[in-house]
PDB file of N, CA and C in Angstrom:
ATOM      1  N   MET A   1     -11.723  40.401   3.691  1.00  0.00           N
ATOM      2  CA  MET A   1     -10.639  39.536   3.269  1.00  0.00           C
ATOM      3  C   MET A   1     -11.110  38.738   2.047  1.00  0.00           C
ATOM      4  N   ASN A   2     -10.377  38.846   0.945  1.00  0.00           N
ATOM      5  CA  ASN A   2     -10.774  38.094  -0.248  1.00  0.00           C
ATOM      6  C   ASN A   2     -10.298  36.647  -0.150  1.00  0.00           C
ATOM      7  N   ASN A   3     -10.714  35.842  -1.122  1.00  0.00           N
ATOM      8  CA  ASN A   3     -10.444  34.404  -1.068  1.00  0.00           C
ATOM      9  C   ASN A   3      -8.959  34.077  -1.071  1.00  0.00           C
ATOM     10  N   GLU A   4      -8.195  34.766  -1.899  1.00  0.00           N
ATOM     11  CA  GLU A   4      -6.751  34.504  -1.967  1.00  0.00           C
ATOM     12  C   GLU A   4      -6.086  34.842  -0.631  1.00  0.00           C
ATOM     13  N   GLU A   5      -6.522  35.920   0.011  1.00  0.00           N
ATOM     14  CA  GLU A   5      -5.980  36.280   1.326  1.00  0.00           C
ATOM     15  C   GLU A   5      -6.329  35.230   2.368  1.00  0.00           C
ATOM     16  N   LYS A   6      -7.533  34.647   2.252  1.00  0.00           N
ATOM     17  CA  LYS A   6      -7.933  33.597   3.189  1.00  0.00           C
ATOM     18  C   LYS A   6      -7.024  32.387   3.057  1.00  0.00           C
ATOM     19  N   ILE A   7      -6.732  32.011   1.825  1.00  0.00           N
ATOM     20  CA  ILE A   7      -5.859  30.857   1.602  1.00  0.00           C
ATOM     21  C   ILE A   7      -4.449  31.154   2.116  1.00  0.00           C
ATOM     22  N   GLU A   8      -3.968  32.361   1.852  1.00  0.00           N
ATOM     23  CA  GLU A   8      -2.637  32.743   2.327  1.00  0.00           C
ATOM     24  C   GLU A   8      -2.590  32.862   3.851  1.00  0.00           C
ATOM     25  N   ALA A   9      -3.714  33.185   4.468  1.00  0.00           N
ATOM     26  CA  ALA A   9      -3.765  33.333   5.930  1.00  0.00           C
ATOM     27  C   ALA A   9      -3.600  32.001   6.643  1.00  0.00           C
ATOM     28  N   THR A  10      -3.650  30.924   5.896  1.00  0.00           N
ATOM     29  CA  THR A  10      -3.415  29.626   6.524  1.00  0.00           C
ATOM     30  C   THR A  10      -1.947  29.466   6.908  1.00  0.00           C
ATOM     31  N   GLY A  11      -1.190  30.541   6.800  1.00  0.00           N
ATOM     32  CA  GLY A  11       0.189  30.553   7.271  1.00  0.00           C
ATOM     33  C   GLY A  11       0.284  30.270   8.767  1.00  0.00           C
ATOM     34  N   LYS A  12      -0.845  30.361   9.459  1.00  0.00           N
ATOM     35  CA  LYS A  12      -0.878  29.982  10.874  1.00  0.00           C
ATOM     36  C   LYS A  12      -0.435  28.530  11.030  1.00  0.00           C
ATOM     37  N   LYS A  13      -0.628  27.761   9.962  1.00  0.00           N
ATOM     38  CA  LYS A  13      -0.218  26.354   9.978  1.00  0.00           C
ATOM     39  C   LYS A  13       1.294  26.253  10.195  1.00  0.00           C
ATOM     40  N   GLU A  14       2.053  27.149   9.567  1.00  0.00           N
ATOM     41  CA  GLU A  14       3.509  27.135   9.720  1.00  0.00           C
ATOM     42  C   GLU A  14       3.908  27.454  11.160  1.00  0.00           C
ATOM     43  N   GLU A  15       3.164  28.368  11.791  1.00  0.00           N
ATOM     44  CA  GLU A  15       3.411  28.674  13.199  1.00  0.00           C
ATOM     45  C   GLU A  15       3.136  27.432  14.042  1.00  0.00           C
ATOM     46  N   GLY A  16       2.061  26.725  13.699  1.00  0.00           N
ATOM     47  CA  GLY A  16       1.716  25.495  14.400  1.00  0.00           C
ATOM     48  C   GLY A  16       2.803  24.449  14.266  1.00  0.00           C
ATOM     49  N   ASN A  17       3.396  24.356  13.083  1.00  0.00           N
ATOM     50  CA  ASN A  17       4.475  23.392  12.868  1.00  0.00           C
ATOM     51  C   ASN A  17       5.665  23.676  13.785  1.00  0.00           C
ATOM     52  N   ALA A  18       6.015  24.945  13.911  1.00  0.00           N
ATOM     53  CA  ALA A  18       7.135  25.322  14.777  1.00  0.00           C
ATOM     54  C   ALA A  18       6.816  25.012  16.240  1.00  0.00           C
ATOM     55  N   LEU A  19       5.586  25.304  16.648  1.00  0.00           N
ATOM     56  CA  LEU A  19       5.178  25.020  18.031  1.00  0.00           C
ATOM     57  C   LEU A  19       5.145  23.517  18.303  1.00  0.00           C
ATOM     58  N   PHE A  20       4.705  22.737  17.333  1.00  0.00           N
ATOM     59  CA  PHE A  20       4.669  21.282  17.492  1.00  0.00           C
ATOM     60  C   PHE A  20       6.089  20.747  17.693  1.00  0.00           C
ATOM     61  N   LYS A  21       7.017  21.211  16.866  1.00  0.00           N
ATOM     62  CA  LYS A  21       8.412  20.774  16.983  1.00  0.00           C
ATOM     63  C   LYS A  21       9.006  21.152  18.325  1.00  0.00           C
ATOM     64  N   ALA A  22       8.515  22.264  18.909  1.00  0.00           N
ATOM     65  CA  ALA A  22       9.002  22.723  20.209  1.00  0.00           C
ATOM     66  C   ALA A  22       8.302  22.012  21.368  1.00  0.00           C
ATOM     67  N   GLY A  23       7.342  21.139  21.058  1.00  0.00           N
ATOM     68  CA  GLY A  23       6.634  20.398  22.105  1.00  0.00           C
ATOM     69  C   GLY A  23       5.487  21.161  22.735  1.00  0.00           C
ATOM     70  N   LYS A  24       5.077  22.259  22.125  1.00  0.00           N
ATOM     71  CA  LYS A  24       3.964  23.064  22.644  1.00  0.00           C
ATOM     72  C   LYS A  24       2.695  22.674  21.886  1.00  0.00           C
ATOM     73  N   TYR A  25       2.164  21.504  22.239  1.00  0.00           N
ATOM     74  CA  TYR A  25       1.086  20.883  21.469  1.00  0.00           C
ATOM     75  C   TYR A  25      -0.240  21.630  21.571  1.00  0.00           C
ATOM     76  N   ALA A  26      -0.558  22.172  22.727  1.00  0.00           N
ATOM     77  CA  ALA A  26      -1.827  22.900  22.883  1.00  0.00           C
ATOM     78  C   ALA A  26      -1.831  24.156  22.007  1.00  0.00           C
ATOM     79  N   LYS A  27      -0.722  24.889  22.024  1.00  0.00           N
ATOM     80  CA  LYS A  27      -0.637  26.099  21.194  1.00  0.00           C
ATOM     81  C   LYS A  27      -0.615  25.742  19.713  1.00  0.00           C
ATOM     82  N   ALA A  28       0.073  24.672  19.365  1.00  0.00           N
ATOM     83  CA  ALA A  28       0.123  24.240  17.969  1.00  0.00           C
ATOM     84  C   ALA A  28      -1.275  23.875  17.488  1.00  0.00           C
ATOM     85  N   SER A  29      -2.027  23.173  18.316  1.00  0.00           N
ATOM     86  CA  SER A  29      -3.387  22.778  17.971  1.00  0.00           C
ATOM     87  C   SER A  29      -4.251  24.004  17.689  1.00  0.00           C
ATOM     88  N   LYS A  30      -4.120  25.022  18.525  1.00  0.00           N
ATOM     89  CA  LYS A  30      -4.895  26.265  18.320  1.00  0.00           C
ATOM     90  C   LYS A  30      -4.532  26.923  16.998  1.00  0.00           C
ATOM     91  N   ARG A  31      -3.250  26.904  16.628  1.00  0.00           N
ATOM     92  CA  ARG A  31      -2.826  27.519  15.359  1.00  0.00           C
ATOM     93  C   ARG A  31      -3.422  26.764  14.173  1.00  0.00           C
ATOM     94  N   TYR A  32      -3.418  25.427  14.261  1.00  0.00           N
ATOM     95  CA  TYR A  32      -3.998  24.632  13.171  1.00  0.00           C
ATOM     96  C   TYR A  32      -5.498  24.888  13.056  1.00  0.00           C
ATOM     97  N   GLU A  33      -6.170  25.038  14.190  1.00  0.00           N
ATOM     98  CA  GLU A  33      -7.607  25.324  14.170  1.00  0.00           C
ATOM     99  C   GLU A  33      -7.877  26.677  13.515  1.00  0.00           C
ATOM    100  N   LYS A  34      -7.067  27.690  13.864  1.00  0.00           N
ATOM    101  CA  LYS A  34      -7.234  29.016  13.265  1.00  0.00           C
ATOM    102  C   LYS A  34      -7.014  28.963  11.764  1.00  0.00           C
ATOM    103  N   ALA A  35      -5.980  28.268  11.355  1.00  0.00           N
ATOM    104  CA  ALA A  35      -5.676  28.175   9.923  1.00  0.00           C
ATOM    105  C   ALA A  35      -6.818  27.508   9.170  1.00  0.00           C
ATOM    106  N   ALA A  36      -7.381  26.458   9.742  1.00  0.00           N
ATOM    107  CA  ALA A  36      -8.477  25.748   9.080  1.00  0.00           C
ATOM    108  C   ALA A  36      -9.743  26.607   9.010  1.00  0.00           C
ATOM    109  N   LYS A  37      -9.974  27.438  10.005  1.00  0.00           N
ATOM    110  CA  LYS A  37     -11.181  28.277  10.020  1.00  0.00           C
ATOM    111  C   LYS A  37     -11.164  29.347   8.926  1.00  0.00           C
ATOM    112  N   PHE A  38      -9.983  29.791   8.523  1.00  0.00           N
ATOM    113  CA  PHE A  38      -9.904  30.797   7.463  1.00  0.00           C
ATOM    114  C   PHE A  38     -10.524  30.291   6.167  1.00  0.00           C
ATOM    115  N   ILE A  39     -10.432  28.990   5.928  1.00  0.00           N
ATOM    116  CA  ILE A  39     -10.907  28.433   4.658  1.00  0.00           C
ATOM    117  C   ILE A  39     -12.019  27.405   4.858  1.00  0.00           C
ATOM    118  N   GLU A  40     -12.678  27.483   6.003  1.00  0.00           N
ATOM    119  CA  GLU A  40     -13.716  26.507   6.331  1.00  0.00           C
ATOM    120  C   GLU A  40     -14.865  26.530   5.323  1.00  0.00           C
ATOM    121  N   TYR A  41     -15.307  27.703   4.954  1.00  0.00           N
ATOM    122  CA  TYR A  41     -16.431  27.841   4.028  1.00  0.00           C
ATOM    123  C   TYR A  41     -15.895  28.313   2.681  1.00  0.00           C
ATOM    124  N   ASP A  42     -15.836  27.412   1.723  1.00  0.00           N
ATOM    125  CA  ASP A  42     -15.223  27.736   0.436  1.00  0.00           C
ATOM    126  C   ASP A  42     -16.231  27.818  -0.701  1.00  0.00           C
ATOM    127  N   ASN A  43     -17.495  28.104  -0.397  1.00  0.00           N
ATOM    128  CA  ASN A  43     -18.516  28.135  -1.447  1.00  0.00           C
ATOM    129  C   ASN A  43     -18.362  29.325  -2.392  1.00  0.00           C
ATOM    130  N   THR A  44     -17.590  30.322  -2.053  1.00  0.00           N
ATOM    131  CA  THR A  44     -17.359  31.448  -2.966  1.00  0.00           C
ATOM    132  C   THR A  44     -16.025  31.322  -3.698  1.00  0.00           C
ATOM    133  N   PHE A  45     -15.293  30.237  -3.459  1.00  0.00           N
ATOM    134  CA  PHE A  45     -13.991  30.043  -4.076  1.00  0.00           C
ATOM    135  C   PHE A  45     -14.134  29.560  -5.519  1.00  0.00           C
ATOM    136  N   SER A  46     -13.170  29.933  -6.342  1.00  0.00           N
ATOM    137  CA  SER A  46     -13.109  29.397  -7.702  1.00  0.00           C
ATOM    138  C   SER A  46     -12.615  27.943  -7.609  1.00  0.00           C
ATOM    139  N   GLU A  47     -12.649  27.233  -8.722  1.00  0.00           N
ATOM    140  CA  GLU A  47     -12.202  25.824  -8.714  1.00  0.00           C
ATOM    141  C   GLU A  47     -10.731  25.723  -8.297  1.00  0.00           C
ATOM    142  N   GLU A  48      -9.909  26.621  -8.794  1.00  0.00           N
ATOM    143  CA  GLU A  48      -8.480  26.614  -8.442  1.00  0.00           C
ATOM    144  C   GLU A  48      -8.289  26.905  -6.952  1.00  0.00           C
ATOM    145  N   GLU A  49      -9.043  27.865  -6.436  1.00  0.00           N
ATOM    146  CA  GLU A  49      -8.954  28.195  -5.009  1.00  0.00           C
ATOM    147  C   GLU A  49      -9.457  27.041  -4.147  1.00  0.00           C
ATOM    148  N   LYS A  50     -10.486  26.337  -4.624  1.00  0.00           N
ATOM    149  CA  LYS A  50     -11.001  25.181  -3.876  1.00  0.00           C
ATOM    150  C   LYS A  50      -9.957  24.080  -3.778  1.00  0.00           C
ATOM    151  N   LYS A  51      -9.204  23.870  -4.856  1.00  0.00           N
ATOM    152  CA  LYS A  51      -8.140  22.857  -4.842  1.00  0.00           C
ATOM    153  C   LYS A  51      -7.079  23.221  -3.813  1.00  0.00           C
ATOM    154  N   LYS A  52      -6.665  24.481  -3.821  1.00  0.00           N
ATOM    155  CA  LYS A  52      -5.653  24.937  -2.865  1.00  0.00           C
ATOM    156  C   LYS A  52      -6.164  24.820  -1.434  1.00  0.00           C
ATOM    157  N   SER A  53      -7.408  25.230  -1.224  1.00  0.00           N
ATOM    158  CA  SER A  53      -7.954  25.220   0.133  1.00  0.00           C
ATOM    159  C   SER A  53      -8.168  23.801   0.634  1.00  0.00           C
ATOM    160  N   LYS A  54      -8.501  22.873  -0.264  1.00  0.00           N
ATOM    161  CA  LYS A  54      -8.708  21.483   0.157  1.00  0.00           C
ATOM    162  C   LYS A  54      -7.409  20.889   0.712  1.00  0.00           C
ATOM    163  N   VAL A  55      -6.311  21.150   0.028  1.00  0.00           N
ATOM    164  CA  VAL A  55      -5.012  20.662   0.503  1.00  0.00           C
ATOM    165  C   VAL A  55      -4.698  21.264   1.873  1.00  0.00           C
ATOM    166  N   GLN A  56      -4.952  22.556   2.023  1.00  0.00           N
ATOM    167  CA  GLN A  56      -4.688  23.222   3.297  1.00  0.00           C
ATOM    168  C   GLN A  56      -5.575  22.669   4.409  1.00  0.00           C
ATOM    169  N   LYS A  57      -6.852  22.423   4.102  1.00  0.00           N
ATOM    170  CA  LYS A  57      -7.768  21.880   5.119  1.00  0.00           C
ATOM    171  C   LYS A  57      -7.313  20.518   5.601  1.00  0.00           C
ATOM    172  N   VAL A  58      -6.975  19.645   4.659  1.00  0.00           N
ATOM    173  CA  VAL A  58      -6.533  18.294   5.017  1.00  0.00           C
ATOM    174  C   VAL A  58      -5.270  18.368   5.864  1.00  0.00           C
ATOM    175  N   THR A  59      -4.323  19.187   5.452  1.00  0.00           N
ATOM    176  CA  THR A  59      -3.065  19.312   6.182  1.00  0.00           C
ATOM    177  C   THR A  59      -3.289  19.856   7.585  1.00  0.00           C
ATOM    178  N   CYS A  60      -4.096  20.901   7.708  1.00  0.00           N
ATOM    179  CA  CYS A  60      -4.369  21.486   9.031  1.00  0.00           C
ATOM    180  C   CYS A  60      -5.056  20.481   9.947  1.00  0.00           C
ATOM    181  N   ASN A  61      -6.048  19.766   9.413  1.00  0.00           N
ATOM    182  CA  ASN A  61      -6.765  18.799  10.244  1.00  0.00           C
ATOM    183  C   ASN A  61      -5.873  17.633  10.669  1.00  0.00           C
ATOM    184  N   LEU A  62      -5.043  17.139   9.764  1.00  0.00           N
ATOM    185  CA  LEU A  62      -4.161  16.032  10.125  1.00  0.00           C
ATOM    186  C   LEU A  62      -3.061  16.477  11.094  1.00  0.00           C
ATOM    187  N   ASN A  63      -2.535  17.672  10.894  1.00  0.00           N
ATOM    188  CA  ASN A  63      -1.530  18.185  11.833  1.00  0.00           C
ATOM    189  C   ASN A  63      -2.146  18.381  13.213  1.00  0.00           C
ATOM    190  N   ASN A  64      -3.375  18.895  13.232  1.00  0.00           N
ATOM    191  CA  ASN A  64      -4.078  19.082  14.504  1.00  0.00           C
ATOM    192  C   ASN A  64      -4.327  17.720  15.157  1.00  0.00           C
ATOM    193  N   ALA A  65      -4.691  16.738  14.346  1.00  0.00           N
ATOM    194  CA  ALA A  65      -4.915  15.383  14.869  1.00  0.00           C
ATOM    195  C   ALA A  65      -3.636  14.805  15.470  1.00  0.00           C
ATOM    196  N   ALA A  66      -2.490  15.187  14.949  1.00  0.00           N
ATOM    197  CA  ALA A  66      -1.217  14.710  15.501  1.00  0.00           C
ATOM    198  C   ALA A  66      -0.949  15.323  16.878  1.00  0.00           C
ATOM    199  N   CYS A  67      -1.506  16.491  17.145  1.00  0.00           N
ATOM    200  CA  CYS A  67      -1.327  17.140  18.454  1.00  0.00           C
ATOM    201  C   CYS A  67      -2.193  16.489  19.531  1.00  0.00           C
ATOM    202  N   LYS A  68      -3.359  16.046  19.148  1.00  0.00           N
ATOM    203  CA  LYS A  68      -4.364  15.622  20.128  1.00  0.00           C
ATOM    204  C   LYS A  68      -3.946  14.436  21.006  1.00  0.00           C
ATOM    205  N   PRO A  69      -3.264  13.400  20.497  1.00  0.00           N
ATOM    206  CA  PRO A  69      -2.845  12.325  21.408  1.00  0.00           C
ATOM    207  C   PRO A  69      -1.875  12.815  22.486  1.00  0.00           C
ATOM    208  N   LYS A  70      -1.063  13.790  22.132  1.00  0.00           N
ATOM    209  CA  LYS A  70      -0.124  14.372  23.104  1.00  0.00           C
ATOM    210  C   LYS A  70      -0.886  15.081  24.222  1.00  0.00           C
ATOM    211  N   LEU A  71      -2.109  15.543  23.890  1.00  0.00           N
ATOM    212  CA  LEU A  71      -2.959  16.234  24.857  1.00  0.00           C
ATOM    213  C   LEU A  71      -4.006  15.294  25.460  1.00  0.00           C
ATOM    214  N   LYS A  72      -3.909  14.011  25.108  1.00  0.00           N
ATOM    215  CA  LYS A  72      -4.820  12.960  25.582  1.00  0.00           C
ATOM    216  C   LYS A  72      -6.281  13.229  25.198  1.00  0.00           C
ATOM    217  N   ASP A  73      -6.464  13.816  24.022  1.00  0.00           N
ATOM    218  CA  ASP A  73      -7.801  14.112  23.500  1.00  0.00           C
ATOM    219  C   ASP A  73      -8.068  13.179  22.320  1.00  0.00           C
ATOM    220  N   TYR A  74      -8.306  11.912  22.617  1.00  0.00           N
ATOM    221  CA  TYR A  74      -8.400  10.874  21.603  1.00  0.00           C
ATOM    222  C   TYR A  74      -9.667  10.966  20.760  1.00  0.00           C
ATOM    223  N   LYS A  75     -10.753  11.421  21.338  1.00  0.00           N
ATOM    224  CA  LYS A  75     -11.995  11.567  20.572  1.00  0.00           C
ATOM    225  C   LYS A  75     -11.837  12.620  19.475  1.00  0.00           C
ATOM    226  N   GLU A  76     -11.098  13.663  19.779  1.00  0.00           N
ATOM    227  CA  GLU A  76     -10.882  14.722  18.790  1.00  0.00           C
ATOM    228  C   GLU A  76     -10.017  14.219  17.629  1.00  0.00           C
ATOM    229  N   VAL A  77      -9.124  13.285  17.902  1.00  0.00           N
ATOM    230  CA  VAL A  77      -8.318  12.685  16.834  1.00  0.00           C
ATOM    231  C   VAL A  77      -9.253  12.044  15.811  1.00  0.00           C
ATOM    232  N   GLU A  78     -10.204  11.284  16.314  1.00  0.00           N
ATOM    233  CA  GLU A  78     -11.157  10.609  15.442  1.00  0.00           C
ATOM    234  C   GLU A  78     -11.937  11.619  14.604  1.00  0.00           C
ATOM    235  N   LYS A  79     -12.440  12.678  15.242  1.00  0.00           N
ATOM    236  CA  LYS A  79     -13.230  13.685  14.521  1.00  0.00           C
ATOM    237  C   LYS A  79     -12.410  14.358  13.418  1.00  0.00           C
ATOM    238  N   LEU A  80     -11.183  14.725  13.752  1.00  0.00           N
ATOM    239  CA  LEU A  80     -10.335  15.414  12.779  1.00  0.00           C
ATOM    240  C   LEU A  80      -9.971  14.506  11.612  1.00  0.00           C
ATOM    241  N   CYS A  81      -9.709  13.250  11.894  1.00  0.00           N
ATOM    242  CA  CYS A  81      -9.380  12.318  10.817  1.00  0.00           C
ATOM    243  C   CYS A  81     -10.590  12.058   9.929  1.00  0.00           C
ATOM    244  N   LEU A  82     -11.766  11.998  10.522  1.00  0.00           N
ATOM    245  CA  LEU A  82     -12.976  11.791   9.726  1.00  0.00           C
ATOM    246  C   LEU A  82     -13.264  12.987   8.822  1.00  0.00           C
ATOM    247  N   LYS A  83     -12.883  14.183   9.261  1.00  0.00           N
ATOM    248  CA  LYS A  83     -13.068  15.369   8.413  1.00  0.00           C
ATOM    249  C   LYS A  83     -12.271  15.242   7.122  1.00  0.00           C
ATOM    250  N   THR A  84     -11.140  14.570   7.184  1.00  0.00           N
ATOM    251  CA  THR A  84     -10.275  14.465   6.014  1.00  0.00           C
ATOM    252  C   THR A  84     -10.592  13.251   5.160  1.00  0.00           C
ATOM    253  N   SER A  85     -11.496  12.408   5.616  1.00  0.00           N
ATOM    254  CA  SER A  85     -11.752  11.185   4.860  1.00  0.00           C
ATOM    255  C   SER A  85     -12.864  11.364   3.840  1.00  0.00           C
ATOM    256  N   SER A  86     -12.738  12.411   3.053  1.00  0.00           N
ATOM    257  CA  SER A  86     -13.719  12.654   1.994  1.00  0.00           C
ATOM    258  C   SER A  86     -13.517  11.642   0.869  1.00  0.00           C
ATOM    259  N   PHE A  87     -14.463  11.598  -0.001  1.00  0.00           N
ATOM    260  CA  PHE A  87     -14.422  10.668  -1.116  1.00  0.00           C
ATOM    261  C   PHE A  87     -13.155  10.854  -1.947  1.00  0.00           C
ATOM    262  N   GLU A  88     -12.814  12.099  -2.261  1.00  0.00           N
ATOM    263  CA  GLU A  88     -11.634  12.372  -3.084  1.00  0.00           C
ATOM    264  C   GLU A  88     -10.361  11.933  -2.371  1.00  0.00           C
ATOM    265  N   PHE A  89     -10.308  12.137  -1.072  1.00  0.00           N
ATOM    266  CA  PHE A  89      -9.134  11.773  -0.302  1.00  0.00           C
ATOM    267  C   PHE A  89      -8.947  10.254  -0.294  1.00  0.00           C
ATOM    268  N   GLN A  90     -10.051   9.514  -0.154  1.00  0.00           N
ATOM    269  CA  GLN A  90      -9.979   8.063  -0.166  1.00  0.00           C
ATOM    270  C   GLN A  90      -9.566   7.551  -1.540  1.00  0.00           C
ATOM    271  N   LEU A  91     -10.063   8.184  -2.592  1.00  0.00           N
ATOM    272  CA  LEU A  91      -9.690   7.765  -3.940  1.00  0.00           C
ATOM    273  C   LEU A  91      -8.199   7.888  -4.189  1.00  0.00           C
ATOM    274  N   MET A  92      -7.590   8.870  -3.569  1.00  0.00           N
ATOM    275  CA  MET A  92      -6.168   9.078  -3.745  1.00  0.00           C
ATOM    276  C   MET A  92      -5.397   7.808  -3.382  1.00  0.00           C
ATOM    277  N   PHE A  93      -5.821   7.106  -2.337  1.00  0.00           N
ATOM    278  CA  PHE A  93      -5.134   5.897  -1.908  1.00  0.00           C
ATOM    279  C   PHE A  93      -5.484   4.709  -2.799  1.00  0.00           C
ATOM    280  N   TYR A  94      -6.735   4.597  -3.205  1.00  0.00           N
ATOM    281  CA  TYR A  94      -7.150   3.450  -4.007  1.00  0.00           C
ATOM    282  C   TYR A  94      -6.639   3.525  -5.436  1.00  0.00           C
ATOM    283  N   ASN A  95      -6.297   4.718  -5.896  1.00  0.00           N
ATOM    284  CA  ASN A  95      -5.777   4.865  -7.252  1.00  0.00           C
ATOM    285  C   ASN A  95      -4.295   4.530  -7.366  1.00  0.00           C
ATOM    286  N   LEU A  96      -3.675   4.153  -6.279  1.00  0.00           N
ATOM    287  CA  LEU A  96      -2.262   3.805  -6.319  1.00  0.00           C
ATOM    288  C   LEU A  96      -2.018   2.454  -6.972  1.00  0.00           C
ATOM    289  N   GLY A  97      -3.040   1.650  -7.117  1.00  0.00           N
ATOM    290  CA  GLY A  97      -2.902   0.332  -7.724  1.00  0.00           C
ATOM    291  C   GLY A  97      -4.056  -0.543  -7.304  1.00  0.00           C
ATOM    292  N   PRO A  98      -4.121  -1.742  -7.867  1.00  0.00           N
ATOM    293  CA  PRO A  98      -5.258  -2.606  -7.557  1.00  0.00           C
ATOM    294  C   PRO A  98      -5.328  -3.001  -6.084  1.00  0.00           C
ATOM    295  N   GLN A  99      -4.223  -3.274  -5.454  1.00  0.00           N
ATOM    296  CA  GLN A  99      -4.213  -3.654  -4.033  1.00  0.00           C
ATOM    297  C   GLN A  99      -2.874  -3.239  -3.432  1.00  0.00           C
ATOM    298  N   PRO A 100      -2.725  -1.963  -3.060  1.00  0.00           N
ATOM    299  CA  PRO A 100      -1.460  -1.536  -2.466  1.00  0.00           C
ATOM    300  C   PRO A 100      -1.109  -2.364  -1.239  1.00  0.00           C
ATOM    301  N   ALA A 101       0.153  -2.467  -0.958  1.00  0.00           N
ATOM    302  CA  ALA A 101       0.630  -3.334   0.121  1.00  0.00           C
ATOM    303  C   ALA A 101       0.060  -2.955   1.481  1.00  0.00           C
ATOM    304  N   PHE A 102      -0.235  -1.680   1.703  1.00  0.00           N
ATOM    305  CA  PHE A 102      -0.708  -1.266   3.015  1.00  0.00           C
ATOM    306  C   PHE A 102      -2.204  -1.461   3.210  1.00  0.00           C
ATOM    307  N   ILE A 103      -2.912  -1.915   2.196  1.00  0.00           N
ATOM    308  CA  ILE A 103      -4.340  -2.188   2.331  1.00  0.00           C
ATOM    309  C   ILE A 103      -4.535  -3.698   2.372  1.00  0.00           C
ATOM    310  N   ASP A 104      -5.022  -4.213   3.486  1.00  0.00           N
ATOM    311  CA  ASP A 104      -5.287  -5.637   3.640  1.00  0.00           C
ATOM    312  C   ASP A 104      -6.787  -5.793   3.815  1.00  0.00           C
ATOM    313  N   SER A 105      -7.442  -6.318   2.806  1.00  0.00           N
ATOM    314  CA  SER A 105      -8.899  -6.387   2.827  1.00  0.00           C
ATOM    315  C   SER A 105      -9.429  -7.395   3.844  1.00  0.00           C
ATOM    316  N   SER A 106      -8.565  -8.249   4.376  1.00  0.00           N
ATOM    317  CA  SER A 106      -9.038  -9.232   5.359  1.00  0.00           C
ATOM    318  C   SER A 106      -9.055  -8.678   6.767  1.00  0.00           C
ATOM    319  N   VAL A 107      -8.483  -7.512   6.967  1.00  0.00           N
ATOM    320  CA  VAL A 107      -8.417  -6.901   8.291  1.00  0.00           C
ATOM    321  C   VAL A 107      -9.487  -5.828   8.407  1.00  0.00           C
ATOM    322  N   GLN A 108     -10.278  -5.874   9.459  1.00  0.00           N
ATOM    323  CA  GLN A 108     -11.267  -4.835   9.700  1.00  0.00           C
ATOM    324  C   GLN A 108     -10.688  -3.866  10.723  1.00  0.00           C
ATOM    325  N   LEU A 109     -10.752  -2.605  10.403  1.00  0.00           N
ATOM    326  CA  LEU A 109     -10.237  -1.591  11.302  1.00  0.00           C
ATOM    327  C   LEU A 109     -11.321  -1.153  12.260  1.00  0.00           C
ATOM    328  N   SER A 110     -10.961  -0.927  13.492  1.00  0.00           N
ATOM    329  CA  SER A 110     -11.926  -0.415  14.460  1.00  0.00           C
ATOM    330  C   SER A 110     -11.570   1.027  14.775  1.00  0.00           C
ATOM    331  N   VAL A 111     -12.558   1.791  15.125  1.00  0.00           N
ATOM    332  CA  VAL A 111     -12.375   3.205  15.447  1.00  0.00           C
ATOM    333  C   VAL A 111     -12.014   3.317  16.916  1.00  0.00           C
ATOM    334  N   LEU A 112     -11.132   4.266  17.231  1.00  0.00           N
ATOM    335  CA  LEU A 112     -10.707   4.470  18.624  1.00  0.00           C
ATOM    336  C   LEU A 112     -11.869   4.637  19.557  1.00  0.00           C
TER     337      LEU A 112
END
């Protein structure tokens, strides 16, 4: 399977979306995991393919994290969210302005 096919194979994510909407959270979670595994190792990807795969990875992990509370798997929510909290992902929020309304520097967040 070449790199472009791997990125396209993340279509399992769409199956997961349909299952999530139907309330089948365990099956949806498995689909998101499969989709993320197709592009887990992107060291052979070109820069353009890496950009595409990064978006897919973040989306799959966050969608999977949305399933986990429904399955009462709270520790996995934390792990999946931490996977998406890369430096580039965090910059996306801080580049919205000097102090966006949803960021309150006086509040310390605790981890579940």
